[in-house]
Structure formats: structure tokens, C-alpha cells
N, C-alpha and C. Protein backbone atom coordinates (compact mmCIF):
# COMPACT_ATOMS: atom_id res chain seq x y z
N UNK A 1 -22.14 6.02 197.69
CA UNK A 1 -23.52 5.83 198.30
C UNK A 1 -23.38 6.23 199.81
N UNK A 2 -24.45 7.00 200.14
CA UNK A 2 -24.51 7.44 201.51
C UNK A 2 -25.47 6.52 202.25
N UNK A 3 -25.01 5.98 203.43
CA UNK A 3 -25.79 5.14 204.25
C UNK A 3 -25.92 5.76 205.66
N UNK A 4 -27.17 5.83 206.21
CA UNK A 4 -27.35 6.33 207.55
C UNK A 4 -27.68 5.12 208.44
N UNK A 5 -26.60 4.73 209.22
CA UNK A 5 -26.86 3.62 210.08
C UNK A 5 -27.81 4.09 211.38
N UNK A 6 -28.44 3.14 211.84
CA UNK A 6 -29.33 3.42 212.97
C UNK A 6 -28.85 2.79 214.30
N UNK A 7 -27.80 2.12 214.28
CA UNK A 7 -27.23 1.47 215.49
C UNK A 7 -25.88 0.81 215.12
N UNK A 8 -25.33 0.24 216.17
CA UNK A 8 -23.98 -0.45 215.93
C UNK A 8 -24.17 -1.77 215.16
N UNK A 9 -23.06 -2.37 214.63
CA UNK A 9 -23.16 -3.64 213.94
C UNK A 9 -23.37 -4.71 215.04
N UNK A 10 -24.29 -5.57 214.73
CA UNK A 10 -24.58 -6.67 215.70
C UNK A 10 -24.72 -8.01 214.91
N UNK A 11 -24.92 -9.03 215.61
CA UNK A 11 -25.09 -10.38 214.96
C UNK A 11 -26.37 -10.35 214.08
N UNK A 12 -26.41 -11.02 212.98
CA UNK A 12 -27.54 -11.00 211.97
C UNK A 12 -28.75 -11.53 212.65
N UNK A 13 -28.70 -12.30 213.68
CA UNK A 13 -29.79 -12.88 214.36
C UNK A 13 -30.38 -11.99 215.47
N UNK A 14 -29.81 -10.84 215.65
CA UNK A 14 -30.33 -9.89 216.70
C UNK A 14 -31.73 -9.32 216.33
N UNK A 15 -32.48 -9.17 217.46
CA UNK A 15 -33.78 -8.65 217.24
C UNK A 15 -33.95 -7.39 216.47
N UNK A 16 -33.02 -6.45 216.52
CA UNK A 16 -32.95 -5.21 215.91
C UNK A 16 -32.95 -5.42 214.44
N UNK A 17 -32.17 -6.47 214.00
CA UNK A 17 -32.10 -6.76 212.50
C UNK A 17 -33.40 -7.42 212.00
N UNK A 18 -33.96 -8.25 212.86
CA UNK A 18 -35.27 -8.92 212.40
C UNK A 18 -36.38 -7.88 212.31
N UNK A 19 -36.35 -6.85 213.19
CA UNK A 19 -37.37 -5.83 213.17
C UNK A 19 -37.18 -4.74 212.08
N UNK A 20 -36.09 -4.68 211.44
CA UNK A 20 -35.72 -3.65 210.42
C UNK A 20 -36.18 -4.01 209.12
N UNK A 21 -36.52 -2.98 208.29
CA UNK A 21 -36.84 -3.15 206.82
C UNK A 21 -35.58 -3.11 205.98
N UNK A 22 -34.68 -2.12 206.35
CA UNK A 22 -33.44 -1.98 205.43
C UNK A 22 -32.28 -2.15 206.37
N UNK A 23 -31.36 -3.10 205.95
CA UNK A 23 -30.18 -3.40 206.71
C UNK A 23 -28.96 -3.43 205.83
N UNK A 24 -27.76 -3.22 206.47
CA UNK A 24 -26.52 -3.38 205.80
C UNK A 24 -25.82 -4.54 206.44
N UNK A 25 -25.44 -5.57 205.63
CA UNK A 25 -24.80 -6.75 206.07
C UNK A 25 -23.38 -6.71 205.51
N UNK A 26 -22.43 -7.03 206.48
CA UNK A 26 -20.99 -7.07 206.03
C UNK A 26 -20.31 -8.26 206.43
N UNK A 27 -19.39 -8.81 205.68
CA UNK A 27 -18.56 -9.96 205.97
C UNK A 27 -17.03 -9.49 206.06
N UNK A 28 -16.63 -9.44 207.31
CA UNK A 28 -15.31 -8.94 207.56
C UNK A 28 -14.20 -9.99 207.47
N UNK A 29 -14.56 -11.27 207.16
CA UNK A 29 -13.56 -12.29 206.98
C UNK A 29 -12.74 -12.02 205.73
N UNK A 30 -11.45 -12.33 205.81
CA UNK A 30 -10.54 -12.06 204.70
C UNK A 30 -10.64 -12.99 203.57
N UNK A 31 -11.18 -14.26 203.75
CA UNK A 31 -11.14 -15.24 202.70
C UNK A 31 -12.40 -16.09 202.64
N UNK A 32 -13.24 -16.21 203.67
CA UNK A 32 -14.44 -17.01 203.64
C UNK A 32 -15.59 -16.30 203.17
N UNK A 33 -16.34 -16.97 202.22
CA UNK A 33 -17.61 -16.42 201.77
C UNK A 33 -18.68 -16.77 202.80
N UNK A 34 -19.85 -16.05 202.81
CA UNK A 34 -20.95 -16.33 203.71
C UNK A 34 -22.25 -16.55 202.98
N UNK A 35 -22.96 -17.58 203.35
CA UNK A 35 -24.30 -17.82 202.79
C UNK A 35 -25.35 -17.12 203.66
N UNK A 36 -25.97 -16.08 203.14
CA UNK A 36 -26.97 -15.32 203.86
C UNK A 36 -28.38 -15.75 203.49
N UNK A 37 -29.27 -16.01 204.43
CA UNK A 37 -30.65 -16.41 204.12
C UNK A 37 -31.57 -15.51 204.87
N UNK A 38 -32.70 -15.09 204.12
CA UNK A 38 -33.72 -14.30 204.76
C UNK A 38 -35.05 -15.10 204.66
N UNK A 39 -35.68 -15.32 205.81
CA UNK A 39 -36.87 -16.07 205.90
C UNK A 39 -38.09 -15.15 206.03
N UNK A 40 -39.00 -15.20 205.12
CA UNK A 40 -40.22 -14.34 205.25
C UNK A 40 -41.44 -15.17 204.97
N UNK A 41 -42.62 -14.53 204.85
CA UNK A 41 -43.84 -15.18 204.69
C UNK A 41 -43.90 -16.00 203.39
N UNK A 42 -43.18 -15.61 202.35
CA UNK A 42 -43.29 -16.38 201.08
C UNK A 42 -42.21 -17.41 200.97
N UNK A 43 -41.36 -17.59 202.00
CA UNK A 43 -40.34 -18.58 201.94
C UNK A 43 -38.95 -18.09 202.32
N UNK A 44 -37.97 -18.92 202.01
CA UNK A 44 -36.61 -18.59 202.36
C UNK A 44 -35.83 -18.20 201.06
N UNK A 45 -35.21 -17.09 201.05
CA UNK A 45 -34.29 -16.71 199.84
C UNK A 45 -32.95 -16.41 200.41
N UNK A 46 -31.92 -16.29 199.53
CA UNK A 46 -30.63 -16.09 200.04
C UNK A 46 -29.66 -15.55 198.91
N UNK A 47 -28.49 -15.30 199.43
CA UNK A 47 -27.34 -14.80 198.46
C UNK A 47 -26.09 -15.13 199.13
N UNK A 48 -25.00 -15.09 198.35
CA UNK A 48 -23.65 -15.31 198.87
C UNK A 48 -23.05 -13.90 199.05
N UNK A 49 -22.43 -13.78 200.19
CA UNK A 49 -21.70 -12.48 200.46
C UNK A 49 -20.20 -12.80 200.44
N UNK A 50 -19.52 -12.16 199.60
CA UNK A 50 -18.15 -12.38 199.35
C UNK A 50 -17.24 -11.84 200.56
N UNK A 51 -16.10 -12.35 200.65
CA UNK A 51 -15.11 -11.86 201.75
C UNK A 51 -14.96 -10.36 201.70
N UNK A 52 -14.79 -9.60 202.81
CA UNK A 52 -14.51 -8.24 202.81
C UNK A 52 -15.41 -7.40 201.95
N UNK A 53 -16.77 -7.65 202.02
CA UNK A 53 -17.75 -7.01 201.27
C UNK A 53 -18.99 -6.72 202.08
N UNK A 54 -19.81 -5.83 201.56
CA UNK A 54 -21.08 -5.60 202.27
C UNK A 54 -22.20 -5.34 201.22
N UNK A 55 -23.45 -5.49 201.66
CA UNK A 55 -24.66 -5.30 200.79
C UNK A 55 -25.68 -4.62 201.64
N UNK A 56 -26.43 -3.78 201.06
CA UNK A 56 -27.67 -3.20 201.69
C UNK A 56 -28.89 -4.03 201.12
N UNK A 57 -29.67 -4.55 202.20
CA UNK A 57 -30.79 -5.43 201.79
C UNK A 57 -32.08 -4.86 202.34
N UNK A 58 -33.08 -4.71 201.42
CA UNK A 58 -34.42 -4.35 201.84
C UNK A 58 -35.16 -5.69 202.02
N UNK A 59 -35.71 -5.87 203.25
CA UNK A 59 -36.39 -7.15 203.53
C UNK A 59 -37.75 -6.82 204.21
N UNK A 60 -38.53 -7.87 204.35
CA UNK A 60 -39.89 -7.74 205.13
C UNK A 60 -39.46 -7.45 206.54
N UNK A 61 -40.25 -6.58 207.28
CA UNK A 61 -40.14 -6.47 208.69
C UNK A 61 -40.57 -7.79 209.31
N UNK A 62 -39.70 -8.27 210.22
CA UNK A 62 -39.90 -9.54 210.90
C UNK A 62 -39.33 -10.65 210.18
N UNK A 63 -38.64 -10.51 209.02
CA UNK A 63 -38.06 -11.58 208.42
C UNK A 63 -36.73 -11.96 209.11
N UNK A 64 -36.45 -13.17 209.41
CA UNK A 64 -35.25 -13.59 210.15
C UNK A 64 -34.17 -13.64 209.14
N UNK A 65 -32.98 -13.27 209.61
CA UNK A 65 -31.80 -13.30 208.77
C UNK A 65 -30.78 -14.23 209.48
N UNK A 66 -30.14 -15.16 208.70
CA UNK A 66 -29.17 -16.05 209.12
C UNK A 66 -27.91 -15.97 208.21
N UNK A 67 -26.80 -16.39 208.77
CA UNK A 67 -25.52 -16.34 207.86
C UNK A 67 -24.66 -17.47 208.33
N UNK A 68 -24.09 -18.25 207.50
CA UNK A 68 -23.15 -19.28 207.70
C UNK A 68 -21.92 -19.02 206.92
N UNK A 69 -20.75 -19.20 207.62
CA UNK A 69 -19.45 -18.88 207.07
C UNK A 69 -19.10 -17.50 207.14
N UNK A 70 -17.84 -17.16 207.08
CA UNK A 70 -17.40 -15.71 207.17
C UNK A 70 -17.58 -15.20 208.57
N UNK A 71 -17.42 -13.91 208.67
CA UNK A 71 -17.59 -13.20 209.85
C UNK A 71 -18.59 -12.00 209.63
N UNK A 72 -19.95 -12.38 209.81
CA UNK A 72 -21.03 -11.52 209.32
C UNK A 72 -21.65 -10.77 210.44
N UNK A 73 -21.83 -9.48 210.26
CA UNK A 73 -22.62 -8.66 211.15
C UNK A 73 -23.54 -7.80 210.33
N UNK A 74 -24.54 -7.16 211.02
CA UNK A 74 -25.46 -6.30 210.27
C UNK A 74 -25.79 -5.11 211.14
N UNK A 75 -26.36 -4.06 210.49
CA UNK A 75 -26.87 -2.89 211.21
C UNK A 75 -28.15 -2.40 210.49
N UNK A 76 -29.11 -1.98 211.22
CA UNK A 76 -30.32 -1.33 210.51
C UNK A 76 -29.90 -0.01 209.97
N UNK A 77 -30.39 0.28 208.82
CA UNK A 77 -30.07 1.61 208.15
C UNK A 77 -31.39 2.30 207.91
N UNK A 78 -31.30 3.73 207.84
CA UNK A 78 -32.56 4.52 207.63
C UNK A 78 -32.81 4.61 206.12
N UNK A 79 -31.72 4.94 205.29
CA UNK A 79 -31.96 5.09 203.93
C UNK A 79 -30.64 5.04 203.19
N UNK A 80 -30.69 4.87 201.88
CA UNK A 80 -29.44 5.02 200.99
C UNK A 80 -29.87 5.92 199.88
N UNK A 81 -28.89 6.39 199.26
CA UNK A 81 -29.25 7.16 197.98
C UNK A 81 -28.18 6.83 196.91
């Protein structure tokens, strides 16, 4: 998969992450899972991010992202294929 990042990895609560539609979230912790939550107009949804893994998430622009556990950062991305 090719991912085009639009900036450096930052905290998931950063304004650049909230303003983005497509983001890459990564958990750099070696053993702790992370609970990731996305809050948008229709409510809160979430998923579990395993240790040493990453996911690309398409979300609503303005949807806040939070993460508990692990060492989680995110970056806005332009596209994937």
C-alpha cells in the first residue's frame, strides 16, 4: 500500500488530525493495545489498535479522535491505493 503523508506524526488530539478526512494512526508501544474513539455528528465509534500496528481511517472532517493506552500518534494522509 502506498500512503502519501501530509505532515509529521502528531498526537491524535492535534487540530491537524481533527481537520483531516483521511488519517494514518499508529501504535508504537511494544505490548499495550490502544482504544481509539472517533466522535462525529452521528455519535462515537471506535476500534482497538494492536501493539506495533497502524491503520488508515477515513473519518468526517472535524471528527475528534482520542486514544487511550499504547503510544498512539497520527498523521493526515492524502490518499492510499
